[in-house]
N, C-alpha and C. Protein backbone atom coordinates (compact mmCIF):
# COMPACT_ATOMS: atom_id res chain seq x y z
N MET A 1 102.56 92.09 106.66
CA MET A 1 101.41 93.62 106.88
C MET A 1 102.53 94.36 107.65
N ARG A 2 102.46 96.36 106.98
CA ARG A 2 102.89 97.34 107.51
C ARG A 2 101.92 97.93 108.16
N ILE A 3 101.82 98.99 108.63
CA ILE A 3 100.73 99.77 109.64
C ILE A 3 101.29 100.94 109.56
N ASP A 4 101.65 101.87 108.85
CA ASP A 4 102.33 103.44 109.10
C ASP A 4 101.10 104.61 109.00
N ARG A 5 101.83 105.19 110.01
CA ARG A 5 100.94 106.47 109.97
C ARG A 5 101.49 107.59 108.76
N VAL A 6 100.32 108.07 107.63
CA VAL A 6 100.43 108.52 106.45
C VAL A 6 101.05 109.93 106.55
N GLY A 7 102.47 109.90 106.16
CA GLY A 7 103.09 110.80 105.78
C GLY A 7 103.39 111.59 104.64
N ALA A 8 104.22 112.91 104.55
CA ALA A 8 103.62 113.60 103.52
C ALA A 8 104.40 113.06 101.79
N ASP A 9 105.27 112.15 102.32
CA ASP A 9 105.48 110.91 101.13
C ASP A 9 104.22 109.99 100.49
N ASP A 10 103.51 109.97 101.54
CA ASP A 10 102.58 108.56 101.51
C ASP A 10 101.24 109.22 100.65
N VAL A 11 100.65 110.56 100.67
CA VAL A 11 99.66 111.41 100.15
C VAL A 11 99.68 110.84 98.74
N GLU A 12 100.38 110.75 98.17
CA GLU A 12 99.75 110.50 96.63
C GLU A 12 99.62 108.75 96.58
N VAL A 13 99.65 107.68 97.50
CA VAL A 13 99.81 106.48 97.60
C VAL A 13 98.70 106.58 98.01
N VAL A 14 97.79 107.26 99.28
CA VAL A 14 96.43 106.92 99.97
C VAL A 14 95.81 107.44 98.75
N LEU A 15 95.74 107.92 98.32
CA LEU A 15 94.83 109.09 97.63
C LEU A 15 93.90 108.17 96.52
N PRO A 16 94.51 107.04 95.79
CA PRO A 16 93.75 105.77 95.26
C PRO A 16 92.47 105.41 96.40
N LEU A 17 93.13 105.02 97.42
CA LEU A 17 92.14 104.14 98.21
C LEU A 17 91.54 105.36 98.69
N LEU A 18 91.56 106.57 99.76
CA LEU A 18 90.79 107.64 99.48
C LEU A 18 90.01 107.72 98.51
N ARG A 19 89.78 107.87 97.34
CA ARG A 19 88.59 107.74 95.94
C ARG A 19 88.09 106.80 96.06
N ALA A 20 88.51 105.41 96.24
CA ALA A 20 87.89 104.08 95.99
C ALA A 20 86.57 104.11 97.26
N TYR A 21 87.36 104.72 98.45
CA TYR A 21 86.39 104.41 99.60
C TYR A 21 85.14 105.58 99.15
N CYS A 22 85.15 106.79 99.01
CA CYS A 22 84.28 107.59 98.11
C CYS A 22 83.81 107.09 97.51
N ASP A 23 84.18 106.96 96.49
CA ASP A 23 83.12 105.46 95.28
C ASP A 23 81.91 104.37 95.70
N PHE A 24 82.70 103.76 96.91
CA PHE A 24 81.85 102.73 97.76
C PHE A 24 80.78 103.70 98.20
N TYR A 25 80.79 104.56 98.78
CA TYR A 25 79.97 105.14 99.50
C TYR A 25 79.28 106.20 98.94
N GLU A 26 79.35 106.30 97.34
CA GLU A 26 78.94 107.32 96.62
C GLU A 26 79.03 108.72 96.58
N GLY A 27 80.11 109.03 97.12
CA GLY A 27 80.73 110.50 97.69
C GLY A 27 81.78 111.10 96.09
N ALA A 28 81.87 112.48 96.28
CA ALA A 28 81.70 112.77 94.97
C ALA A 28 83.16 113.89 95.09
N PRO A 29 83.87 113.93 96.59
CA PRO A 29 84.47 115.04 96.78
C PRO A 29 85.81 115.08 95.14
N SER A 30 86.40 116.57 95.29
CA SER A 30 87.91 116.45 94.57
C SER A 30 88.66 115.86 94.87
N ASP A 31 89.47 115.33 93.44
CA ASP A 31 90.96 114.96 93.65
C ASP A 31 91.16 115.43 95.14
N GLU A 32 91.56 117.02 94.66
CA GLU A 32 92.09 117.88 95.28
C GLU A 32 92.00 118.39 96.61
N ALA A 33 90.72 118.03 96.61
CA ALA A 33 89.84 118.12 98.50
C ALA A 33 90.66 116.81 99.25
N LEU A 34 90.51 116.23 98.47
CA LEU A 34 90.69 114.71 99.32
C LEU A 34 92.45 115.02 99.23
N ARG A 35 93.23 115.77 98.74
CA ARG A 35 95.05 115.43 99.02
C ARG A 35 95.05 116.40 100.03
N GLN A 36 94.11 118.08 99.96
CA GLN A 36 94.13 118.68 101.08
C GLN A 36 93.83 118.09 102.26
N LEU A 37 92.97 117.06 102.88
CA LEU A 37 92.35 116.37 103.76
C LEU A 37 93.62 115.57 104.21
N ALA A 38 93.99 114.86 103.32
CA ALA A 38 94.89 114.11 103.57
C ALA A 38 96.48 115.44 104.13
N LEU A 39 96.74 115.89 103.66
CA LEU A 39 97.96 116.93 104.20
C LEU A 39 97.68 117.53 105.28
N THR A 40 96.04 118.07 105.32
CA THR A 40 95.74 118.91 106.73
C THR A 40 96.29 117.20 107.69
N LEU A 41 96.27 116.45 108.19
CA LEU A 41 96.19 115.25 108.83
C LEU A 41 97.79 115.32 108.94
N VAL A 42 98.21 115.18 107.83
CA VAL A 42 99.70 114.92 108.04
C VAL A 42 100.65 116.36 108.75
N ASP A 43 99.81 117.38 108.58
CA ASP A 43 100.51 118.45 108.79
C ASP A 43 100.08 118.71 110.59
N ASP A 44 99.33 118.35 110.77
CA ASP A 44 98.71 118.58 112.43
C ASP A 44 97.99 117.04 112.52
N PRO A 45 98.70 116.33 112.82
CA PRO A 45 97.90 114.77 113.27
C PRO A 45 97.81 115.10 115.21
N ARG A 46 98.56 116.13 115.90
CA ARG A 46 97.90 116.31 117.25
C ARG A 46 96.74 116.96 117.30
N HIS A 47 96.16 117.52 116.82
CA HIS A 47 94.96 118.32 116.92
C HIS A 47 93.86 118.14 115.83
N GLU A 48 94.18 117.25 114.45
CA GLU A 48 93.04 117.45 113.49
C GLU A 48 92.80 115.79 113.66
N GLY A 49 94.07 114.99 113.41
CA GLY A 49 93.37 113.21 113.37
C GLY A 49 95.11 113.10 112.61
N VAL A 50 94.57 111.37 112.18
CA VAL A 50 95.80 110.49 111.54
C VAL A 50 94.89 109.95 110.34
N GLN A 51 95.97 109.47 109.75
CA GLN A 51 95.52 108.40 108.45
C GLN A 51 96.89 107.39 109.15
N LEU A 52 95.98 106.31 108.88
CA LEU A 52 97.03 105.05 108.09
C LEU A 52 96.83 104.14 107.60
N LEU A 53 97.98 103.96 107.04
CA LEU A 53 98.14 103.38 105.81
C LEU A 53 98.60 101.76 106.18
N ALA A 54 98.06 100.53 105.51
CA ALA A 54 98.27 98.79 105.28
C ALA A 54 99.14 98.65 104.35
N ARG A 55 99.71 97.99 104.13
CA ARG A 55 100.90 98.00 102.76
C ARG A 55 101.19 96.41 103.34
N THR A 56 101.46 95.92 101.90
CA THR A 56 101.99 94.08 101.88
C THR A 56 103.01 93.86 102.28
N GLU A 57 103.90 93.19 102.27
CA GLU A 57 105.20 93.01 102.46
C GLU A 57 106.35 93.74 101.28
N ASP A 58 105.61 93.53 100.19
CA ASP A 58 105.80 94.04 98.82
C ASP A 58 105.83 95.52 98.71
N GLY A 59 105.00 96.13 99.55
CA GLY A 59 104.87 97.80 99.90
C GLY A 59 103.84 98.18 99.19
N ALA A 60 102.58 97.43 98.59
CA ALA A 60 101.51 97.90 97.93
C ALA A 60 100.99 98.38 99.16
N ALA A 61 99.85 99.21 98.87
CA ALA A 61 99.32 99.98 99.74
C ALA A 61 97.50 99.47 99.14
N VAL A 62 97.03 98.77 100.67
CA VAL A 62 95.80 97.78 100.29
C VAL A 62 94.57 98.36 101.38
N GLY A 63 95.07 99.68 102.33
CA GLY A 63 93.85 99.74 103.07
C GLY A 63 94.53 101.11 103.86
N PHE A 64 93.67 101.63 104.54
CA PHE A 64 93.63 102.99 105.41
C PHE A 64 92.59 103.04 106.23
N VAL A 65 92.93 103.87 107.50
CA VAL A 65 91.83 103.96 108.23
C VAL A 65 91.83 105.81 108.45
N THR A 66 91.42 106.38 108.60
CA THR A 66 91.31 107.77 109.40
C THR A 66 91.00 107.88 110.39
N VAL A 67 91.35 108.41 111.57
CA VAL A 67 90.45 108.84 112.61
C VAL A 67 91.10 110.78 113.52
N TYR A 68 89.81 110.95 113.68
CA TYR A 68 90.04 112.16 114.67
C TYR A 68 89.79 112.31 115.74
N TRP A 69 90.03 113.15 116.13
CA TRP A 69 90.24 113.85 117.60
C TRP A 69 88.86 114.43 118.01
N THR A 70 88.09 114.09 118.84
CA THR A 70 87.02 115.17 119.23
C THR A 70 86.70 115.08 120.86
N TRP A 71 85.84 115.20 121.34
CA TRP A 71 85.59 115.32 122.98
C TRP A 71 84.64 114.90 123.29
N SER A 72 83.83 113.81 124.30
CA SER A 72 82.78 113.99 125.00
C SER A 72 82.56 114.42 126.32
N THR A 73 81.76 115.57 125.86
CA THR A 73 81.40 116.22 127.55
C THR A 73 81.00 115.10 128.70
N VAL A 74 79.58 114.01 128.55
CA VAL A 74 79.58 113.76 129.57
C VAL A 74 80.74 112.92 130.32
N ARG A 75 81.79 112.24 129.13
CA ARG A 75 82.57 111.48 129.96
C ARG A 75 84.04 112.69 130.35
N ALA A 76 83.71 113.82 129.55
CA ALA A 76 84.88 114.64 129.78
C ALA A 76 86.03 114.03 129.66
N ARG A 77 86.17 113.55 128.75
CA ARG A 77 87.87 112.89 128.08
C ARG A 77 87.63 112.67 126.75
N ARG A 78 88.68 112.70 126.41
CA ARG A 78 89.09 112.53 124.45
C ARG A 78 88.47 111.53 124.23
N LEU A 79 87.68 111.64 122.64
CA LEU A 79 87.59 110.69 122.00
C LEU A 79 88.02 110.44 121.16
N ALA A 80 88.18 109.28 119.97
CA ALA A 80 89.01 109.01 118.63
C ALA A 80 87.62 108.35 117.66
N VAL A 81 87.26 109.12 116.61
CA VAL A 81 86.27 108.92 115.75
C VAL A 81 87.09 107.97 114.27
N MET A 82 86.94 106.70 114.34
CA MET A 82 87.54 106.16 113.02
C MET A 82 86.14 106.73 112.15
N ASN A 83 86.44 107.57 110.71
CA ASN A 83 85.62 108.22 110.32
C ASN A 83 85.63 106.91 108.56
N ASP A 84 86.65 106.58 108.68
CA ASP A 84 86.88 105.70 107.45
C ASP A 84 87.51 104.68 107.33
N LEU A 85 87.46 103.84 107.30
CA LEU A 85 88.12 102.29 107.28
C LEU A 85 87.98 101.33 105.68
N TYR A 86 88.95 101.34 104.89
CA TYR A 86 89.03 100.79 103.57
C TYR A 86 89.89 99.85 103.42
N VAL A 87 89.54 98.52 102.60
CA VAL A 87 90.65 97.44 102.44
C VAL A 87 90.13 97.47 101.09
N VAL A 88 91.17 97.24 99.78
CA VAL A 88 91.29 96.83 98.57
C VAL A 88 90.63 95.98 98.51
N PRO A 89 89.39 95.74 97.71
CA PRO A 89 88.55 94.26 97.29
C PRO A 89 89.55 92.79 97.72
N SER A 90 90.94 92.74 96.68
CA SER A 90 91.62 91.68 96.93
C SER A 90 92.24 91.21 97.74
N HIS A 91 92.67 92.36 98.77
CA HIS A 91 92.81 91.70 100.70
C HIS A 91 91.66 91.91 101.50
N ARG A 92 90.07 92.18 101.33
CA ARG A 92 89.37 91.48 101.89
C ARG A 92 89.26 90.29 102.81
N CYS A 93 88.74 90.06 103.97
CA CYS A 93 89.12 88.97 104.74
C CYS A 93 90.33 88.42 104.68
N GLN A 94 91.45 89.06 105.28
CA GLN A 94 92.69 88.10 105.07
C GLN A 94 92.85 89.13 106.13
N GLY A 95 92.21 89.71 107.05
CA GLY A 95 92.96 90.25 108.24
C GLY A 95 93.01 92.10 108.44
N VAL A 96 93.57 92.57 107.29
CA VAL A 96 94.31 93.89 107.16
C VAL A 96 93.37 94.73 107.57
N ALA A 97 92.06 94.28 107.44
CA ALA A 97 90.81 95.43 108.38
C ALA A 97 90.86 95.36 109.95
N ALA A 98 90.90 94.07 110.34
CA ALA A 98 91.70 94.10 111.59
C ALA A 98 92.07 94.90 112.33
N ALA A 99 93.42 94.43 111.89
CA ALA A 99 95.13 94.82 112.23
C ALA A 99 95.10 96.17 112.03
N LEU A 100 93.74 97.24 111.14
CA LEU A 100 93.56 98.51 111.18
C LEU A 100 93.00 99.46 111.79
N VAL A 101 92.06 98.71 112.45
CA VAL A 101 91.46 98.55 113.84
C VAL A 101 92.02 98.19 114.95
N VAL A 102 92.71 97.41 115.13
CA VAL A 102 93.51 97.58 116.27
C VAL A 102 94.70 98.28 116.35
N ARG A 103 95.34 98.76 115.19
CA ARG A 103 96.60 99.63 115.22
C ARG A 103 95.74 101.21 115.29
N THR A 104 94.09 101.07 115.75
CA THR A 104 93.63 102.59 115.37
C THR A 104 93.39 102.93 117.24
N VAL A 105 93.50 101.88 117.59
CA VAL A 105 92.63 101.45 119.27
C VAL A 105 94.15 102.09 119.79
N ASP A 106 95.51 101.57 119.51
CA ASP A 106 96.95 101.26 119.68
C ASP A 106 96.64 103.39 119.98
N VAL A 107 96.82 104.11 118.72
CA VAL A 107 97.02 105.15 118.32
C VAL A 107 95.83 106.30 119.14
N ALA A 108 94.73 105.50 119.30
CA ALA A 108 93.86 106.80 119.78
C ALA A 108 93.85 106.59 121.28
N ARG A 109 94.36 105.63 121.93
CA ARG A 109 94.77 105.29 123.56
C ARG A 109 96.48 106.44 123.70
N ASP A 110 97.06 106.41 122.84
CA ASP A 110 98.48 106.75 122.81
C ASP A 110 98.26 108.36 122.86
N HIS A 111 96.74 108.92 122.31
CA HIS A 111 96.77 110.04 121.73
C HIS A 111 95.71 110.86 123.48
N GLY A 112 95.23 109.35 124.14
CA GLY A 112 94.35 109.94 124.90
C GLY A 112 93.13 110.22 125.31
N ALA A 113 92.58 109.00 124.10
CA ALA A 113 91.25 108.44 123.92
C ALA A 113 90.84 107.91 125.05
N VAL A 114 89.71 108.35 125.26
CA VAL A 114 88.82 107.07 126.34
C VAL A 114 88.53 105.90 125.27
N ALA A 115 88.75 105.97 124.41
CA ALA A 115 87.49 105.22 123.63
C ALA A 115 87.25 105.77 121.83
N LEU A 116 87.50 104.56 121.63
CA LEU A 116 87.86 104.41 119.44
C LEU A 116 85.79 104.34 119.20
N SER A 117 85.07 105.71 118.48
CA SER A 117 83.91 104.92 118.11
C SER A 117 83.68 105.33 116.62
N TRP A 118 82.72 104.56 115.88
CA TRP A 118 82.92 104.93 114.12
C TRP A 118 81.60 104.30 113.92
N ASP A 119 80.87 104.84 112.98
CA ASP A 119 79.32 104.01 112.44
C ASP A 119 79.84 103.26 110.80
N THR A 120 78.48 102.29 110.60
CA THR A 120 78.68 101.57 109.08
C THR A 120 77.15 101.62 109.10
N ARG A 121 77.05 101.59 107.67
CA ARG A 121 75.74 101.19 106.87
C ARG A 121 75.30 99.80 107.62
N ALA A 122 74.27 100.47 108.05
CA ALA A 122 72.88 98.86 108.69
C ALA A 122 73.23 98.11 107.80
N ASP A 123 73.16 97.47 106.35
CA ASP A 123 73.55 96.96 105.37
C ASP A 123 74.86 96.71 104.87
N ASN A 124 75.87 96.89 105.98
CA ASN A 124 76.98 96.48 105.92
C ASN A 124 77.75 95.30 106.56
N SER A 125 77.24 93.90 106.22
CA SER A 125 76.95 93.24 107.06
C SER A 125 78.92 92.32 107.48
N HIS A 126 79.23 92.13 106.53
CA HIS A 126 80.71 91.96 106.51
C HIS A 126 81.72 92.89 107.72
N ALA A 127 80.96 94.42 107.52
CA ALA A 127 82.00 95.45 108.76
C ALA A 127 81.14 94.70 109.69
N ARG A 128 79.94 94.81 109.96
CA ARG A 128 79.43 94.20 111.23
C ARG A 128 80.22 93.27 112.03
N ALA A 129 80.21 92.28 111.55
CA ALA A 129 80.71 91.03 111.82
C ALA A 129 82.01 90.72 112.60
N LEU A 130 82.81 91.58 111.56
CA LEU A 130 84.49 91.73 111.99
C LEU A 130 84.26 92.88 113.43
N TYR A 131 83.25 93.86 113.28
CA TYR A 131 83.12 94.85 114.63
C TYR A 131 83.09 93.90 115.71
N ARG A 132 82.14 92.72 115.45
CA ARG A 132 81.75 92.04 116.75
C ARG A 132 82.55 90.95 116.97
N ARG A 133 83.43 90.45 116.47
CA ARG A 133 85.02 89.76 116.25
C ARG A 133 85.73 90.40 117.23
N LEU A 134 85.80 91.57 117.19
CA LEU A 134 86.98 92.71 117.28
C LEU A 134 86.48 92.67 119.14
N GLY A 135 85.03 92.62 119.71
CA GLY A 135 84.89 92.75 120.52
C GLY A 135 83.71 94.02 120.83
N ALA A 136 83.98 94.93 119.60
CA ALA A 136 83.00 96.40 119.73
C ALA A 136 81.56 96.20 119.81
N VAL A 137 81.05 96.97 120.90
CA VAL A 137 79.58 96.89 121.00
C VAL A 137 78.99 97.86 120.08
N GLU A 138 77.82 97.94 119.43
CA GLU A 138 77.32 98.69 118.81
C GLU A 138 76.04 99.33 120.19
N ALA A 139 76.53 100.79 119.65
CA ALA A 139 75.83 101.68 120.41
C ALA A 139 74.34 102.40 120.00
N THR A 140 73.64 101.24 120.47
CA THR A 140 72.09 101.21 119.53
C THR A 140 70.98 102.42 120.65
N ASP A 141 71.73 103.28 121.49
CA ASP A 141 71.38 104.21 122.46
C ASP A 141 70.99 105.30 121.67
N TRP A 142 71.44 105.28 120.94
CA TRP A 142 71.99 106.67 120.11
C TRP A 142 71.39 106.76 118.43
N VAL A 143 70.98 107.85 117.98
CA VAL A 143 70.78 107.85 116.78
C VAL A 143 71.47 108.71 116.02
N ASP A 144 72.08 108.46 115.12
CA ASP A 144 72.92 109.80 114.25
C ASP A 144 72.35 110.58 113.15
N TYR A 145 72.28 111.97 113.64
CA TYR A 145 71.40 112.93 112.34
C TYR A 145 72.40 113.75 111.65
N GLU A 146 72.11 114.62 110.93
CA GLU A 146 73.20 115.14 110.07
C GLU A 146 72.30 116.25 109.55
N LEU A 147 72.72 117.37 109.82
CA LEU A 147 72.26 118.87 109.44
C LEU A 147 72.91 119.73 108.74
N PRO A 148 72.89 119.65 107.03
CA PRO A 148 74.11 120.40 106.47
C PRO A 148 73.92 121.81 106.78
N THR A 149 74.88 122.15 106.68
CA THR A 149 75.43 123.71 106.73
C THR A 149 75.57 124.31 105.72
N ASP A 150 75.29 123.77 104.25
CA ASP A 150 75.46 124.53 102.99
C ASP A 150 73.74 125.15 102.72
N PRO A 151 73.71 126.09 102.30
CA PRO A 151 72.48 127.27 102.15
C PRO A 151 71.77 126.44 101.25
């Protein structure tokens, strides 16, 4: 398996994976909005973030991860937020997700982030088991909230 940063030539390849991820989480952005998101990351990885694409030896795209950069005031350090992790069903439980997370930790470290953080749905037991195997710690001291900005 090969894991590379998504470049301009990979945007059309990663789009079906982005759509599948959105479908899994019942999100419905347009294909054009997803394309623009991917192109924004390609155009400004230093400030915006990056996407990584996992491919099999024969070049088939089987998974992706998206990481965004932010800051922690209480740490006074940069953080990496793994916002998306998706592996096509036919390649799950074969090490693809683990490899993507490990590579994302490397990318975050190279970018100067003190930690990689993420969340997942509470009922995603397979993902939570993987994260525990990788040594991730559940951040139970915090509760996530969201306040819509649309009127």
